[in-house]
């Protein structure tokens, strides 16, 4: 039985095209899919927040949001590329994905704790409510956290399997 990664639909998409598809490739490709979904969903979350709560987030929150979005978008493309190449050709990009995803996983855990109200750091943002909270749950908890965790797991496996280890 063929896996879902060998489905005809993926043959047309620029994902999972490595000559030898390893678990690392599958994790990085799946991370890329979630990363591209994050690219689409996060602006919707910002729009919902603007409409529901206004734009008075403060410089810290705006800066962190914009930096996180741009980094997440960029690394979605790196994950896509890594899912298409032999691990031996991944080079330093795999290490950068590993570093970025390790840092981002920690930030995502803090973000989840702040979104759920378990931790409050007013210098970053206040715990959202209503539509803002629900939009953040979708984009940050349901999509962004798994994206980051899969990128971390896939890049860690790839770096470990890489010949000559970077």
Protein backbone atom coordinates (compact mmCIF):
# COMPACT_ATOMS: atom_id res chain seq x y z
CA UNK A 1 0.00 0.00 0.00
CA UNK A 2 1.39 3.40 -0.99
CA UNK A 3 1.63 6.14 1.60
CA UNK A 4 -0.23 9.42 1.28
CA UNK A 5 3.10 11.08 0.39
CA UNK A 6 3.16 9.08 -2.85
CA UNK A 7 -0.34 10.18 -3.87
CA UNK A 8 -0.72 11.64 -7.36
CA UNK A 9 -1.64 15.06 -5.97
CA UNK A 10 1.78 15.47 -4.38
CA UNK A 11 3.45 14.66 -7.70
CA UNK A 12 2.14 17.99 -9.01
CA UNK A 13 3.02 19.93 -5.86
CA UNK A 14 6.61 20.96 -5.13
CA UNK A 15 6.75 18.87 -1.96
CA UNK A 16 7.98 15.41 -0.98
CA UNK A 17 10.05 15.10 -4.18
CA UNK A 18 13.35 13.86 -2.71
CA UNK A 19 14.76 10.85 -4.54
CA UNK A 20 14.64 8.82 -1.33
CA UNK A 21 11.74 10.04 0.81
CA UNK A 22 12.75 9.61 4.46
CA UNK A 23 10.82 10.36 7.61
CA UNK A 24 12.73 13.65 7.86
CA UNK A 25 11.52 14.63 4.36
CA UNK A 26 7.94 13.75 5.25
CA UNK A 27 8.06 15.79 8.46
CA UNK A 28 9.64 18.79 6.73
CA UNK A 29 7.16 18.60 3.84
CA UNK A 30 4.22 18.40 6.23
CA UNK A 31 5.69 21.35 8.15
CA UNK A 32 5.85 23.26 4.86
CA UNK A 33 2.17 22.57 4.17
CA UNK A 34 1.26 23.89 7.63
CA UNK A 35 3.67 26.81 7.12
CA UNK A 36 1.90 27.83 3.93
CA UNK A 37 -1.43 27.51 5.73
CA UNK A 38 0.00 29.76 8.45
CA UNK A 39 0.98 32.30 5.77
CA UNK A 40 -2.68 32.46 4.73
CA UNK A 41 -4.31 32.30 8.17
CA UNK A 42 -2.19 34.72 10.16
CA UNK A 43 -3.23 37.84 8.19
CA UNK A 44 -6.84 36.77 8.79
CA UNK A 45 -6.07 36.64 12.52
CA UNK A 46 -4.56 40.13 12.36
CA UNK A 47 -7.62 41.41 10.47
CA UNK A 48 -10.01 39.85 13.01
CA UNK A 49 -7.97 41.39 15.83
CA UNK A 50 -7.99 44.82 14.17
CA UNK A 51 -11.74 44.67 13.65
CA UNK A 52 -12.53 43.33 17.12
CA UNK A 53 -9.95 45.10 19.29
CA UNK A 54 -8.35 47.84 17.22
CA UNK A 55 -4.69 48.46 16.47
CA UNK A 56 -3.49 49.61 19.90
CA UNK A 57 -1.39 46.54 20.57
CA UNK A 58 1.75 48.40 21.43
CA UNK A 59 5.10 48.41 19.67
CA UNK A 60 6.32 45.20 21.31
CA UNK A 61 3.33 43.14 20.22
CA UNK A 62 3.36 44.55 16.67
CA UNK A 63 7.11 44.00 16.32
CA UNK A 64 6.97 40.44 17.62
CA UNK A 65 3.99 39.63 15.42
CA UNK A 66 5.57 40.97 12.24
CA UNK A 67 8.95 39.33 12.90
CA UNK A 68 7.28 36.01 13.73
CA UNK A 69 5.16 36.12 10.60
CA UNK A 70 8.07 36.94 8.28
CA UNK A 71 10.28 34.27 9.85
CA UNK A 72 7.50 31.69 9.70
CA UNK A 73 6.82 32.51 6.05
CA UNK A 74 10.48 32.27 5.11
CA UNK A 75 11.01 28.99 6.88
CA UNK A 76 7.95 27.47 5.19
CA UNK A 77 9.84 27.84 1.91
CA UNK A 78 13.01 26.37 3.43
CA UNK A 79 11.03 23.38 4.73
CA UNK A 80 9.50 22.92 1.27
CA UNK A 81 12.93 22.97 -0.35
CA UNK A 82 14.34 20.56 2.26
CA UNK A 83 11.50 18.10 1.57
CA UNK A 84 12.62 17.95 -2.07
CA UNK A 85 16.38 17.46 -1.72
CA UNK A 86 18.52 14.57 -0.61
CA UNK A 87 19.61 15.16 2.98
CA UNK A 88 23.22 15.39 1.82
CA UNK A 89 22.28 18.52 -0.19
CA UNK A 90 20.42 20.20 2.68
CA UNK A 91 23.57 21.83 3.98
CA UNK A 92 23.44 24.59 6.50
CA UNK A 93 19.77 25.26 5.70
CA UNK A 94 18.84 22.21 7.74
CA UNK A 95 20.79 23.59 10.69
CA UNK A 96 19.02 26.96 10.32
CA UNK A 97 15.63 25.23 10.24
CA UNK A 98 16.64 23.32 13.38
CA UNK A 99 17.76 26.48 15.21
CA UNK A 100 14.74 28.53 14.10
CA UNK A 101 12.25 25.79 15.00
CA UNK A 102 13.86 25.13 18.41
CA UNK A 103 13.60 28.80 19.35
CA UNK A 104 10.12 29.13 17.85
CA UNK A 105 8.82 26.04 19.68
CA UNK A 106 9.70 27.70 22.98
CA UNK A 107 8.05 30.96 21.89
CA UNK A 108 4.94 29.06 20.71
CA UNK A 109 4.61 27.35 24.11
CA UNK A 110 4.77 30.76 25.80
CA UNK A 111 2.24 32.11 23.29
CA UNK A 112 -0.13 29.21 23.98
CA UNK A 113 0.19 29.79 27.73
CA UNK A 114 -0.54 33.49 27.19
CA UNK A 115 -3.49 32.83 24.86
CA UNK A 116 -5.05 30.45 27.37
CA UNK A 117 -4.49 32.89 30.23
CA UNK A 118 -2.13 30.58 32.13
CA UNK A 119 0.63 33.20 31.84
CA UNK A 120 0.17 36.95 31.54
CA UNK A 121 2.95 39.23 30.36
CA UNK A 122 1.34 42.62 29.90
CA UNK A 123 4.49 44.00 28.25
CA UNK A 124 3.81 41.65 25.31
CA UNK A 125 0.00 41.55 25.12
CA UNK A 126 -3.14 41.05 27.15
CA UNK A 127 -4.96 37.74 26.94
CA UNK A 128 -7.40 38.12 24.05
CA UNK A 129 -11.09 37.31 24.23
CA UNK A 130 -13.92 36.69 21.78
CA UNK A 131 -13.17 36.58 18.05
CA UNK A 132 -9.53 37.58 18.60
CA UNK A 133 -8.97 34.60 20.88
CA UNK A 134 -10.68 32.18 18.49
CA UNK A 135 -8.72 33.43 15.48
CA UNK A 136 -5.49 33.07 17.45
CA UNK A 137 -6.40 29.56 18.57
CA UNK A 138 -6.77 28.52 14.93
CA UNK A 139 -3.68 30.21 13.51
CA UNK A 140 -1.30 29.96 16.45
CA UNK A 141 -2.28 26.78 18.31
CA UNK A 142 -3.87 24.53 15.67
CA UNK A 143 -1.60 25.49 12.74
CA UNK A 144 1.57 27.31 13.86
CA UNK A 145 2.57 25.10 16.79
CA UNK A 146 2.37 21.81 14.83
CA UNK A 147 4.18 23.54 11.93
CA UNK A 148 7.04 24.49 14.22
CA UNK A 149 7.15 21.14 16.02
CA UNK A 150 7.23 19.19 12.74
CA UNK A 151 9.96 21.48 11.36
CA UNK A 152 11.97 20.85 14.52
CA UNK A 153 11.52 17.08 14.42
CA UNK A 154 12.20 16.85 10.68
CA UNK A 155 15.29 19.04 10.75
CA UNK A 156 16.66 17.26 13.84
CA UNK A 157 16.28 13.92 12.06
CA UNK A 158 17.81 15.27 8.86
CA UNK A 159 20.81 16.81 10.63
CA UNK A 160 21.32 13.56 12.53
CA UNK A 161 21.16 11.50 9.32
CA UNK A 162 23.31 13.87 7.26
CA UNK A 163 26.63 12.47 6.10
CA UNK A 164 29.52 14.21 7.80
CA UNK A 165 27.08 16.03 10.09
CA UNK A 166 27.26 19.77 9.73
